[in-house]
């Protein structure tokens, strides 16, 4: 059985550590965190391994899984390389969605293989994440052999693996941010707009819920083009114009959000091909007119 150690064992590290440990595909050796106390807590959660108080206590392992914060990955790699534990042909992998495997370059200079695996999942509650990890999509990139090995290891714990182009990893990761964090922010903007119309927050959320759920279901059932509805899907320039004038007068920042996202919706509407081009051209002109030239 191959061995692995975890460096920076927070929510993600605990989840993956327990999944690999319980699956029996890897034997957990060392768990290193910022303090020996948190390392002991991580070992207790995982059910195996040995808490390490520092890099000097790390022993040899076939895989070093780095699950610390993004800004700590590079320093951790440097310390791992300086510790003397890292052997040639060992595998070093981090789980950041924003950083590429190139941040692990110091390990390659010692003959190690490097890769990155990004589980597209929230790990707020490690116990819950362990229970529903199966089916999680995980993006993989790195050295060919390392990426293949990590893909196989993650598939063994139920992951669905896909490849990432490391040249555009930051843009790829922004896709997750847009789909998750920015969606939450957009819904907050919607709540605020409903509030301007007289709805309290609780009522606004109740009104929005079936609309949002229905839209999301349509997107994943039929795709973004077919799921588009509303005035831009119809090419209704009059409605878009009224809304823009009202938003410009009320909150220019909200109007900017409306313009930016409506420009994307406009292209979806063109691809859908149901709205008249004259109406879409009028909407395009409205979206481009920010009123700044009138100042």
C-alpha atoms as a PDB file:
ATOM      1  CA  UNK A   1       0.000   0.000   0.000  1.00  0.00           C
ATOM      2  CA  UNK A   2       1.309   3.459  -0.891  1.00  0.00           C
ATOM      3  CA  UNK A   3       1.694   6.056   1.839  1.00  0.00           C
ATOM      4  CA  UNK A   4       0.697   9.713   2.068  1.00  0.00           C
ATOM      5  CA  UNK A   5       1.152  12.634   4.404  1.00  0.00           C
ATOM      6  CA  UNK A   6      -0.962  15.757   4.671  1.00  0.00           C
ATOM      7  CA  UNK A   7       0.445  19.265   5.033  1.00  0.00           C
ATOM      8  CA  UNK A   8      -2.029  21.917   6.224  1.00  0.00           C
ATOM      9  CA  UNK A   9      -4.907  19.751   7.370  1.00  0.00           C
ATOM     10  CA  UNK A  10      -7.939  22.040   7.524  1.00  0.00           C
ATOM     11  CA  UNK A  11     -11.434  21.201   6.297  1.00  0.00           C
ATOM     12  CA  UNK A  12     -10.290  19.970   2.868  1.00  0.00           C
ATOM     13  CA  UNK A  13      -7.351  18.009   4.256  1.00  0.00           C
ATOM     14  CA  UNK A  14      -9.466  16.351   6.908  1.00  0.00           C
ATOM     15  CA  UNK A  15     -12.105  15.370   4.379  1.00  0.00           C
ATOM     16  CA  UNK A  16      -9.664  13.931   1.852  1.00  0.00           C
ATOM     17  CA  UNK A  17      -7.526  12.352   4.560  1.00  0.00           C
ATOM     18  CA  UNK A  18     -10.481  10.470   5.984  1.00  0.00           C
ATOM     19  CA  UNK A  19     -11.741   9.413   2.563  1.00  0.00           C
ATOM     20  CA  UNK A  20      -8.348   8.036   1.518  1.00  0.00           C
ATOM     21  CA  UNK A  21      -7.770   6.443   4.923  1.00  0.00           C
ATOM     22  CA  UNK A  22     -11.176   4.742   5.059  1.00  0.00           C
ATOM     23  CA  UNK A  23     -10.953   3.577   1.438  1.00  0.00           C
ATOM     24  CA  UNK A  24      -7.734   1.708   2.203  1.00  0.00           C
ATOM     25  CA  UNK A  25      -6.039   2.851  -0.999  1.00  0.00           C
ATOM     26  CA  UNK A  26      -3.436   4.867   0.906  1.00  0.00           C
ATOM     27  CA  UNK A  27      -1.816   4.561   4.309  1.00  0.00           C
ATOM     28  CA  UNK A  28      -1.686   7.854   6.195  1.00  0.00           C
ATOM     29  CA  UNK A  29       1.714   8.626   7.711  1.00  0.00           C
ATOM     30  CA  UNK A  30       2.062  12.204   9.003  1.00  0.00           C
ATOM     31  CA  UNK A  31      -0.323  15.117   9.487  1.00  0.00           C
ATOM     32  CA  UNK A  32       1.316  18.515   9.728  1.00  0.00           C
ATOM     33  CA  UNK A  33      -0.584  21.697  10.581  1.00  0.00           C
ATOM     34  CA  UNK A  34       0.301  25.036  12.153  1.00  0.00           C
ATOM     35  CA  UNK A  35       0.162  23.559  15.647  1.00  0.00           C
ATOM     36  CA  UNK A  36       0.532  20.106  17.128  1.00  0.00           C
ATOM     37  CA  UNK A  37      -2.895  20.497  18.772  1.00  0.00           C
ATOM     38  CA  UNK A  38      -4.699  20.986  15.453  1.00  0.00           C
ATOM     39  CA  UNK A  39      -2.675  18.126  13.972  1.00  0.00           C
ATOM     40  CA  UNK A  40      -3.869  15.855  16.803  1.00  0.00           C
ATOM     41  CA  UNK A  41      -7.456  16.980  16.184  1.00  0.00           C
ATOM     42  CA  UNK A  42      -7.089  16.230  12.470  1.00  0.00           C
ATOM     43  CA  UNK A  43      -5.667  12.774  13.196  1.00  0.00           C
ATOM     44  CA  UNK A  44      -8.590  12.080  15.533  1.00  0.00           C
ATOM     45  CA  UNK A  45     -11.084  13.091  12.835  1.00  0.00           C
ATOM     46  CA  UNK A  46      -9.366  11.076  10.121  1.00  0.00           C
ATOM     47  CA  UNK A  47      -8.883   8.017  12.302  1.00  0.00           C
ATOM     48  CA  UNK A  48      -5.232   7.452  11.466  1.00  0.00           C
ATOM     49  CA  UNK A  49      -1.847   9.039  10.993  1.00  0.00           C
ATOM     50  CA  UNK A  50       0.677  10.682  13.282  1.00  0.00           C
ATOM     51  CA  UNK A  51       0.597  14.365  14.281  1.00  0.00           C
ATOM     52  CA  UNK A  52       3.778  16.192  13.297  1.00  0.00           C
ATOM     53  CA  UNK A  53       4.965  19.293  15.117  1.00  0.00           C
ATOM     54  CA  UNK A  54       7.065  20.586  12.221  1.00  0.00           C
ATOM     55  CA  UNK A  55       8.611  19.779   8.864  1.00  0.00           C
ATOM     56  CA  UNK A  56      11.618  18.219  10.598  1.00  0.00           C
ATOM     57  CA  UNK A  57       9.315  15.476  11.890  1.00  0.00           C
ATOM     58  CA  UNK A  58       7.991  14.512   8.451  1.00  0.00           C
ATOM     59  CA  UNK A  59       8.994  11.053   7.319  1.00  0.00           C
ATOM     60  CA  UNK A  60       9.234   9.668   3.782  1.00  0.00           C
ATOM     61  CA  UNK A  61       5.939   9.171   1.929  1.00  0.00           C
ATOM     62  CA  UNK A  62       4.861   8.308  -1.592  1.00  0.00           C
ATOM     63  CA  UNK A  63       2.488  11.280  -1.715  1.00  0.00           C
ATOM     64  CA  UNK A  64       2.512  14.633   0.036  1.00  0.00           C
ATOM     65  CA  UNK A  65      -0.944  16.216  -0.157  1.00  0.00           C
ATOM     66  CA  UNK A  66      -0.757  19.961   0.463  1.00  0.00           C
ATOM     67  CA  UNK A  67      -4.150  21.292   1.530  1.00  0.00           C
ATOM     68  CA  UNK A  68      -3.180  24.595   3.151  1.00  0.00           C
ATOM     69  CA  UNK A  69      -4.341  28.065   2.044  1.00  0.00           C
ATOM     70  CA  UNK A  70      -3.135  29.283  -1.345  1.00  0.00           C
ATOM     71  CA  UNK A  71      -0.650  31.791   0.034  1.00  0.00           C
ATOM     72  CA  UNK A  72       0.991  29.102   2.177  1.00  0.00           C
ATOM     73  CA  UNK A  73       1.545  26.555  -0.612  1.00  0.00           C
ATOM     74  CA  UNK A  74       4.840  27.942  -1.919  1.00  0.00           C
ATOM     75  CA  UNK A  75       6.411  28.289   1.567  1.00  0.00           C
ATOM     76  CA  UNK A  76       5.227  24.763   2.446  1.00  0.00           C
ATOM     77  CA  UNK A  77       6.838  23.335  -0.685  1.00  0.00           C
ATOM     78  CA  UNK A  78      10.119  25.063   0.096  1.00  0.00           C
ATOM     79  CA  UNK A  79      10.108  23.722   3.653  1.00  0.00           C
ATOM     80  CA  UNK A  80       9.168  20.244   2.460  1.00  0.00           C
ATOM     81  CA  UNK A  81      12.110  20.295   0.069  1.00  0.00           C
ATOM     82  CA  UNK A  82      14.453  21.503   2.818  1.00  0.00           C
ATOM     83  CA  UNK A  83      13.238  18.877   5.304  1.00  0.00           C
ATOM     84  CA  UNK A  84      15.008  15.978   3.613  1.00  0.00           C
ATOM     85  CA  UNK A  85      11.837  13.872   3.626  1.00  0.00           C
ATOM     86  CA  UNK A  86      11.007  14.299  -0.051  1.00  0.00           C
ATOM     87  CA  UNK A  87      12.449  11.542  -2.182  1.00  0.00           C
ATOM     88  CA  UNK A  88      12.877  11.221  -5.934  1.00  0.00           C
ATOM     89  CA  UNK A  89       9.732   9.966  -7.694  1.00  0.00           C
ATOM     90  CA  UNK A  90       7.562  10.978  -4.734  1.00  0.00           C
ATOM     91  CA  UNK A  91       4.385  12.800  -5.702  1.00  0.00           C
ATOM     92  CA  UNK A  92       3.520  16.280  -4.419  1.00  0.00           C
ATOM     93  CA  UNK A  93      -0.012  17.572  -4.997  1.00  0.00           C
ATOM     94  CA  UNK A  94      -1.934  20.651  -3.884  1.00  0.00           C
ATOM     95  CA  UNK A  95      -5.702  21.186  -4.026  1.00  0.00           C
ATOM     96  CA  UNK A  96      -5.950  24.873  -4.937  1.00  0.00           C
ATOM     97  CA  UNK A  97      -8.319  25.835  -7.713  1.00  0.00           C
ATOM     98  CA  UNK A  98      -6.604  29.142  -8.380  1.00  0.00           C
ATOM     99  CA  UNK A  99      -2.925  28.130  -8.453  1.00  0.00           C
ATOM    100  CA  UNK A 100      -1.320  25.850 -11.002  1.00  0.00           C
ATOM    101  CA  UNK A 101       0.984  22.944 -10.260  1.00  0.00           C
ATOM    102  CA  UNK A 102       3.947  25.116 -11.285  1.00  0.00           C
ATOM    103  CA  UNK A 103       3.981  26.530  -7.755  1.00  0.00           C
ATOM    104  CA  UNK A 104       5.362  23.111  -6.760  1.00  0.00           C
ATOM    105  CA  UNK A 105       8.400  23.542  -9.027  1.00  0.00           C
ATOM    106  CA  UNK A 106      10.996  23.301  -6.205  1.00  0.00           C
ATOM    107  CA  UNK A 107       9.878  19.695  -5.673  1.00  0.00           C
ATOM    108  CA  UNK A 108      10.524  18.816  -9.314  1.00  0.00           C
ATOM    109  CA  UNK A 109      14.131  19.909  -8.877  1.00  0.00           C
ATOM    110  CA  UNK A 110      14.497  17.073  -6.358  1.00  0.00           C
ATOM    111  CA  UNK A 111      13.019  14.558  -8.791  1.00  0.00           C
ATOM    112  CA  UNK A 112       9.457  14.596  -7.461  1.00  0.00           C
ATOM    113  CA  UNK A 113       6.356  14.533  -9.648  1.00  0.00           C
ATOM    114  CA  UNK A 114       3.833  17.336  -9.159  1.00  0.00           C
ATOM    115  CA  UNK A 115       0.135  17.802  -9.783  1.00  0.00           C
ATOM    116  CA  UNK A 116      -2.870  19.775  -8.627  1.00  0.00           C
ATOM    117  CA  UNK A 117      -6.390  18.525  -7.995  1.00  0.00           C
ATOM    118  CA  UNK A 118      -9.259  20.967  -7.475  1.00  0.00           C
ATOM    119  CA  UNK A 119     -12.426  19.450  -5.974  1.00  0.00           C
ATOM    120  CA  UNK A 120     -15.326  21.663  -7.092  1.00  0.00           C
ATOM    121  CA  UNK A 121     -17.099  21.447  -3.763  1.00  0.00           C
ATOM    122  CA  UNK A 122     -17.723  23.315  -0.534  1.00  0.00           C
ATOM    123  CA  UNK A 123     -15.885  21.832   2.452  1.00  0.00           C
ATOM    124  CA  UNK A 124     -17.387  23.979   5.207  1.00  0.00           C
ATOM    125  CA  UNK A 125     -18.345  20.878   7.235  1.00  0.00           C
ATOM    126  CA  UNK A 126     -15.775  18.061   6.833  1.00  0.00           C
ATOM    127  CA  UNK A 127     -18.099  15.397   8.280  1.00  0.00           C
ATOM    128  CA  UNK A 128     -20.828  16.317   5.789  1.00  0.00           C
ATOM    129  CA  UNK A 129     -18.284  16.571   2.955  1.00  0.00           C
ATOM    130  CA  UNK A 130     -17.070  13.040   3.659  1.00  0.00           C
ATOM    131  CA  UNK A 131     -20.631  11.744   3.441  1.00  0.00           C
ATOM    132  CA  UNK A 132     -21.532  13.383   0.137  1.00  0.00           C
ATOM    133  CA  UNK A 133     -18.158  13.514  -1.631  1.00  0.00           C
ATOM    134  CA  UNK A 134     -19.018  10.736  -4.097  1.00  0.00           C
ATOM    135  CA  UNK A 135     -19.760  12.242  -7.503  1.00  0.00           C
ATOM    136  CA  UNK A 136     -17.751  15.419  -6.843  1.00  0.00           C
ATOM    137  CA  UNK A 137     -16.112  16.825  -9.968  1.00  0.00           C
ATOM    138  CA  UNK A 138     -12.356  17.294  -9.566  1.00  0.00           C
ATOM    139  CA  UNK A 139     -10.112  19.171 -12.009  1.00  0.00           C
ATOM    140  CA  UNK A 140      -6.619  17.737 -12.468  1.00  0.00           C
ATOM    141  CA  UNK A 141      -3.444  19.153 -14.043  1.00  0.00           C
ATOM    142  CA  UNK A 142       0.293  18.688 -13.680  1.00  0.00           C
ATOM    143  CA  UNK A 143       2.998  16.272 -14.793  1.00  0.00           C
ATOM    144  CA  UNK A 144       1.408  13.612 -16.984  1.00  0.00           C
ATOM    145  CA  UNK A 145       2.282  10.701 -14.690  1.00  0.00           C
ATOM    146  CA  UNK A 146       1.383  12.644 -11.561  1.00  0.00           C
ATOM    147  CA  UNK A 147      -1.932  13.819 -13.022  1.00  0.00           C
ATOM    148  CA  UNK A 148      -2.822  10.268 -14.058  1.00  0.00           C
ATOM    149  CA  UNK A 149      -1.984   8.887 -10.617  1.00  0.00           C
ATOM    150  CA  UNK A 150      -3.913  11.603  -8.793  1.00  0.00           C
ATOM    151  CA  UNK A 151      -6.874  11.134 -11.106  1.00  0.00           C
ATOM    152  CA  UNK A 152      -6.948   7.424 -10.320  1.00  0.00           C
ATOM    153  CA  UNK A 153      -6.635   8.069  -6.578  1.00  0.00           C
ATOM    154  CA  UNK A 154      -9.503  10.552  -6.566  1.00  0.00           C
ATOM    155  CA  UNK A 155     -11.656   8.261  -8.693  1.00  0.00           C
ATOM    156  CA  UNK A 156     -11.080   5.562  -6.059  1.00  0.00           C
ATOM    157  CA  UNK A 157     -12.878   7.750  -3.483  1.00  0.00           C
ATOM    158  CA  UNK A 158     -15.784   8.535  -5.805  1.00  0.00           C
ATOM    159  CA  UNK A 159     -14.612  11.634  -7.657  1.00  0.00           C
ATOM    160  CA  UNK A 160     -15.423  12.431 -11.278  1.00  0.00           C
ATOM    161  CA  UNK A 161     -12.196  13.689 -12.842  1.00  0.00           C
ATOM    162  CA  UNK A 162     -11.609  16.177 -15.654  1.00  0.00           C
ATOM    163  CA  UNK A 163      -8.495  17.872 -17.047  1.00  0.00           C
ATOM    164  CA  UNK A 164      -7.680  21.575 -16.659  1.00  0.00           C
ATOM    165  CA  UNK A 165      -5.521  23.660 -18.992  1.00  0.00           C
ATOM    166  CA  UNK A 166      -2.943  25.028 -16.519  1.00  0.00           C
ATOM    167  CA  UNK A 167      -2.336  28.104 -18.694  1.00  0.00           C
ATOM    168  CA  UNK A 168      -5.813  29.390 -17.868  1.00  0.00           C
ATOM    169  CA  UNK A 169      -6.358  28.001 -14.396  1.00  0.00           C
ATOM    170  CA  UNK A 170      -7.116  31.373 -12.819  1.00  0.00           C
ATOM    171  CA  UNK A 171      -9.865  31.943 -15.396  1.00  0.00           C
ATOM    172  CA  UNK A 172     -11.154  28.406 -14.850  1.00  0.00           C
ATOM    173  CA  UNK A 173     -11.320  29.017 -11.106  1.00  0.00           C
ATOM    174  CA  UNK A 174     -13.105  32.323 -11.677  1.00  0.00           C
ATOM    175  CA  UNK A 175     -15.847  30.234 -13.294  1.00  0.00           C
ATOM    176  CA  UNK A 176     -16.507  28.575  -9.944  1.00  0.00           C
ATOM    177  CA  UNK A 177     -16.462  31.949  -8.199  1.00  0.00           C
ATOM    178  CA  UNK A 178     -18.956  33.356 -10.701  1.00  0.00           C
ATOM    179  CA  UNK A 179     -21.242  30.334 -10.405  1.00  0.00           C
ATOM    180  CA  UNK A 180     -21.175  30.290  -6.611  1.00  0.00           C
ATOM    181  CA  UNK A 181     -19.989  33.466  -4.881  1.00  0.00           C
ATOM    182  CA  UNK A 182     -21.144  35.906  -7.548  1.00  0.00           C
ATOM    183  CA  UNK A 183     -24.504  34.184  -7.857  1.00  0.00           C
ATOM    184  CA  UNK A 184     -25.013  34.764  -4.139  1.00  0.00           C
ATOM    185  CA  UNK A 185     -24.022  38.417  -4.580  1.00  0.00           C
ATOM    186  CA  UNK A 186     -26.376  38.773  -7.560  1.00  0.00           C
ATOM    187  CA  UNK A 187     -29.276  37.411  -5.535  1.00  0.00           C
ATOM    188  CA  UNK A 188     -28.487  39.982  -2.846  1.00  0.00           C
ATOM    189  CA  UNK A 189     -28.770  42.698  -5.514  1.00  0.00           C
ATOM    190  CA  UNK A 190     -32.152  41.220  -6.470  1.00  0.00           C
ATOM    191  CA  UNK A 191     -33.308  41.313  -2.846  1.00  0.00           C
ATOM    192  CA  UNK A 192     -32.300  44.972  -2.681  1.00  0.00           C
ATOM    193  CA  UNK A 193     -34.246  45.764  -5.859  1.00  0.00           C
ATOM    194  CA  UNK A 194     -37.318  43.964  -4.525  1.00  0.00           C
ATOM    195  CA  UNK A 195     -36.910  45.987  -1.334  1.00  0.00           C
ATOM    196  CA  UNK A 196     -37.104  49.201  -3.321  1.00  0.00           C
ATOM    197  CA  UNK A 197     -40.476  47.940  -4.553  1.00  0.00           C
ATOM    198  CA  UNK A 198     -41.724  47.544  -0.982  1.00  0.00           C
ATOM    199  CA  UNK A 199     -40.907  43.905  -0.149  1.00  0.00           C
ATOM    200  CA  UNK A 200     -39.172  42.982   3.081  1.00  0.00           C
ATOM    201  CA  UNK A 201     -36.191  40.624   2.817  1.00  0.00           C
ATOM    202  CA  UNK A 202     -38.062  37.509   3.906  1.00  0.00           C
ATOM    203  CA  UNK A 203     -40.849  38.058   1.406  1.00  0.00           C
ATOM    204  CA  UNK A 204     -38.379  38.920  -1.348  1.00  0.00           C
ATOM    205  CA  UNK A 205     -36.528  35.633  -0.823  1.00  0.00           C
ATOM    206  CA  UNK A 206     -39.798  33.709  -0.866  1.00  0.00           C
ATOM    207  CA  UNK A 207     -40.852  35.406  -4.098  1.00  0.00           C
ATOM    208  CA  UNK A 208     -37.450  34.734  -5.675  1.00  0.00           C
ATOM    209  CA  UNK A 209     -37.101  31.104  -4.655  1.00  0.00           C
ATOM    210  CA  UNK A 210     -39.317  29.412  -7.268  1.00  0.00           C
ATOM    211  CA  UNK A 211     -37.997  31.757  -9.955  1.00  0.00           C
ATOM    212  CA  UNK A 212     -34.353  31.029  -9.128  1.00  0.00           C
ATOM    213  CA  UNK A 213     -34.847  27.289  -8.649  1.00  0.00           C
ATOM    214  CA  UNK A 214     -36.804  27.020 -11.889  1.00  0.00           C
ATOM    215  CA  UNK A 215     -34.159  28.946 -13.807  1.00  0.00           C
ATOM    216  CA  UNK A 216     -31.308  26.844 -12.460  1.00  0.00           C
ATOM    217  CA  UNK A 217     -33.180  23.629 -13.227  1.00  0.00           C
ATOM    218  CA  UNK A 218     -33.848  24.836 -16.782  1.00  0.00           C
ATOM    219  CA  UNK A 219     -30.170  25.699 -17.285  1.00  0.00           C
ATOM    220  CA  UNK A 220     -28.983  22.246 -16.245  1.00  0.00           C
ATOM    221  CA  UNK A 221     -31.776  20.503 -18.102  1.00  0.00           C
ATOM    222  CA  UNK A 222     -31.656  22.431 -21.391  1.00  0.00           C
ATOM    223  CA  UNK A 223     -28.550  24.652 -21.376  1.00  0.00           C
ATOM    224  CA  UNK A 224     -28.106  28.402 -21.002  1.00  0.00           C
ATOM    225  CA  UNK A 225     -29.381  29.356 -24.459  1.00  0.00           C
ATOM    226  CA  UNK A 226     -32.685  27.499 -24.144  1.00  0.00           C
ATOM    227  CA  UNK A 227     -33.145  28.578 -20.510  1.00  0.00           C
ATOM    228  CA  UNK A 228     -33.004  32.310 -21.256  1.00  0.00           C
ATOM    229  CA  UNK A 229     -36.343  34.076 -20.755  1.00  0.00           C
ATOM    230  CA  UNK A 230     -37.464  37.663 -20.189  1.00  0.00           C
ATOM    231  CA  UNK A 231     -37.326  40.880 -22.195  1.00  0.00           C
ATOM    232  CA  UNK A 232     -33.938  40.272 -23.819  1.00  0.00           C
ATOM    233  CA  UNK A 233     -34.968  36.787 -24.918  1.00  0.00           C
ATOM    234  CA  UNK A 234     -38.021  38.433 -26.558  1.00  0.00           C
ATOM    235  CA  UNK A 235     -36.077  41.411 -27.938  1.00  0.00           C
ATOM    236  CA  UNK A 236     -38.298  43.793 -25.947  1.00  0.00           C
ATOM    237  CA  UNK A 237     -36.231  46.982 -26.036  1.00  0.00           C
ATOM    238  CA  UNK A 238     -38.965  49.088 -24.464  1.00  0.00           C
ATOM    239  CA  UNK A 239     -38.908  47.090 -21.218  1.00  0.00           C
ATOM    240  CA  UNK A 240     -35.101  47.091 -21.089  1.00  0.00           C
ATOM    241  CA  UNK A 241     -35.047  50.858 -21.650  1.00  0.00           C
ATOM    242  CA  UNK A 242     -37.525  51.538 -18.828  1.00  0.00           C
ATOM    243  CA  UNK A 243     -35.585  49.347 -16.428  1.00  0.00           C
ATOM    244  CA  UNK A 244     -32.277  50.968 -17.308  1.00  0.00           C
ATOM    245  CA  UNK A 245     -33.625  54.498 -16.804  1.00  0.00           C
ATOM    246  CA  UNK A 246     -35.087  53.495 -13.448  1.00  0.00           C
ATOM    247  CA  UNK A 247     -31.896  51.771 -12.305  1.00  0.00           C
ATOM    248  CA  UNK A 248     -29.672  54.658 -13.459  1.00  0.00           C
ATOM    249  CA  UNK A 249     -31.767  57.056 -11.393  1.00  0.00           C
ATOM    250  CA  UNK A 250     -31.889  54.782  -8.337  1.00  0.00           C
ATOM    251  CA  UNK A 251     -28.447  53.109  -8.126  1.00  0.00           C
ATOM    252  CA  UNK A 252     -25.851  53.421 -10.917  1.00  0.00           C
ATOM    253  CA  UNK A 253     -23.864  50.471  -9.517  1.00  0.00           C
ATOM    254  CA  UNK A 254     -26.877  48.172  -9.831  1.00  0.00           C
ATOM    255  CA  UNK A 255     -27.451  49.574 -13.323  1.00  0.00           C
ATOM    256  CA  UNK A 256     -23.865  48.621 -14.183  1.00  0.00           C
ATOM    257  CA  UNK A 257     -24.484  45.039 -13.044  1.00  0.00           C
ATOM    258  CA  UNK A 258     -27.675  44.975 -15.112  1.00  0.00           C
ATOM    259  CA  UNK A 259     -25.833  46.260 -18.205  1.00  0.00           C
ATOM    260  CA  UNK A 260     -22.928  43.808 -17.879  1.00  0.00           C
ATOM    261  CA  UNK A 261     -25.077  40.717 -17.444  1.00  0.00           C
ATOM    262  CA  UNK A 262     -27.609  41.861 -20.018  1.00  0.00           C
ATOM    263  CA  UNK A 263     -24.812  42.054 -22.588  1.00  0.00           C
ATOM    264  CA  UNK A 264     -24.190  38.355 -21.996  1.00  0.00           C
ATOM    265  CA  UNK A 265     -27.935  37.659 -22.186  1.00  0.00           C
ATOM    266  CA  UNK A 266     -28.038  39.548 -25.486  1.00  0.00           C
ATOM    267  CA  UNK A 267     -25.548  37.140 -27.046  1.00  0.00           C
ATOM    268  CA  UNK A 268     -27.515  34.173 -25.686  1.00  0.00           C
ATOM    269  CA  UNK A 269     -30.661  35.629 -27.248  1.00  0.00           C
ATOM    270  CA  UNK A 270     -28.918  35.979 -30.616  1.00  0.00           C
ATOM    271  CA  UNK A 271     -27.781  32.365 -30.437  1.00  0.00           C
ATOM    272  CA  UNK A 272     -31.304  31.316 -29.584  1.00  0.00           C
ATOM    273  CA  UNK A 273     -32.586  33.034 -32.719  1.00  0.00           C
ATOM    274  CA  UNK A 274     -36.154  33.758 -31.614  1.00  0.00           C
ATOM    275  CA  UNK A 275     -35.979  37.534 -31.061  1.00  0.00           C
ATOM    276  CA  UNK A 276     -35.948  39.954 -33.985  1.00  0.00           C
ATOM    277  CA  UNK A 277     -32.574  41.467 -34.796  1.00  0.00           C
ATOM    278  CA  UNK A 278     -34.020  44.983 -34.823  1.00  0.00           C
ATOM    279  CA  UNK A 279     -35.087  44.628 -31.214  1.00  0.00           C
ATOM    280  CA  UNK A 280     -31.751  43.143 -30.213  1.00  0.00           C
ATOM    281  CA  UNK A 281     -29.854  45.969 -31.902  1.00  0.00           C
ATOM    282  CA  UNK A 282     -31.979  48.492 -29.983  1.00  0.00           C
ATOM    283  CA  UNK A 283     -31.188  46.686 -26.735  1.00  0.00           C
ATOM    284  CA  UNK A 284     -27.485  46.677 -27.611  1.00  0.00           C
ATOM    285  CA  UNK A 285     -27.570  50.444 -28.090  1.00  0.00           C
ATOM    286  CA  UNK A 286     -29.383  50.916 -24.778  1.00  0.00           C
ATOM    287  CA  UNK A 287     -26.810  48.823 -22.928  1.00  0.00           C
ATOM    288  CA  UNK A 288     -23.951  50.785 -24.460  1.00  0.00           C
ATOM    289  CA  UNK A 289     -25.484  54.156 -23.521  1.00  0.00           C
ATOM    290  CA  UNK A 290     -24.289  54.844 -19.973  1.00  0.00           C
ATOM    291  CA  UNK A 291     -25.132  58.548 -20.157  1.00  0.00           C
ATOM    292  CA  UNK A 292     -21.514  59.528 -19.408  1.00  0.00           C
ATOM    293  CA  UNK A 293     -21.236  61.553 -22.614  1.00  0.00           C
ATOM    294  CA  UNK A 294     -24.071  63.797 -21.409  1.00  0.00           C
ATOM    295  CA  UNK A 295     -22.166  64.921 -18.328  1.00  0.00           C
END
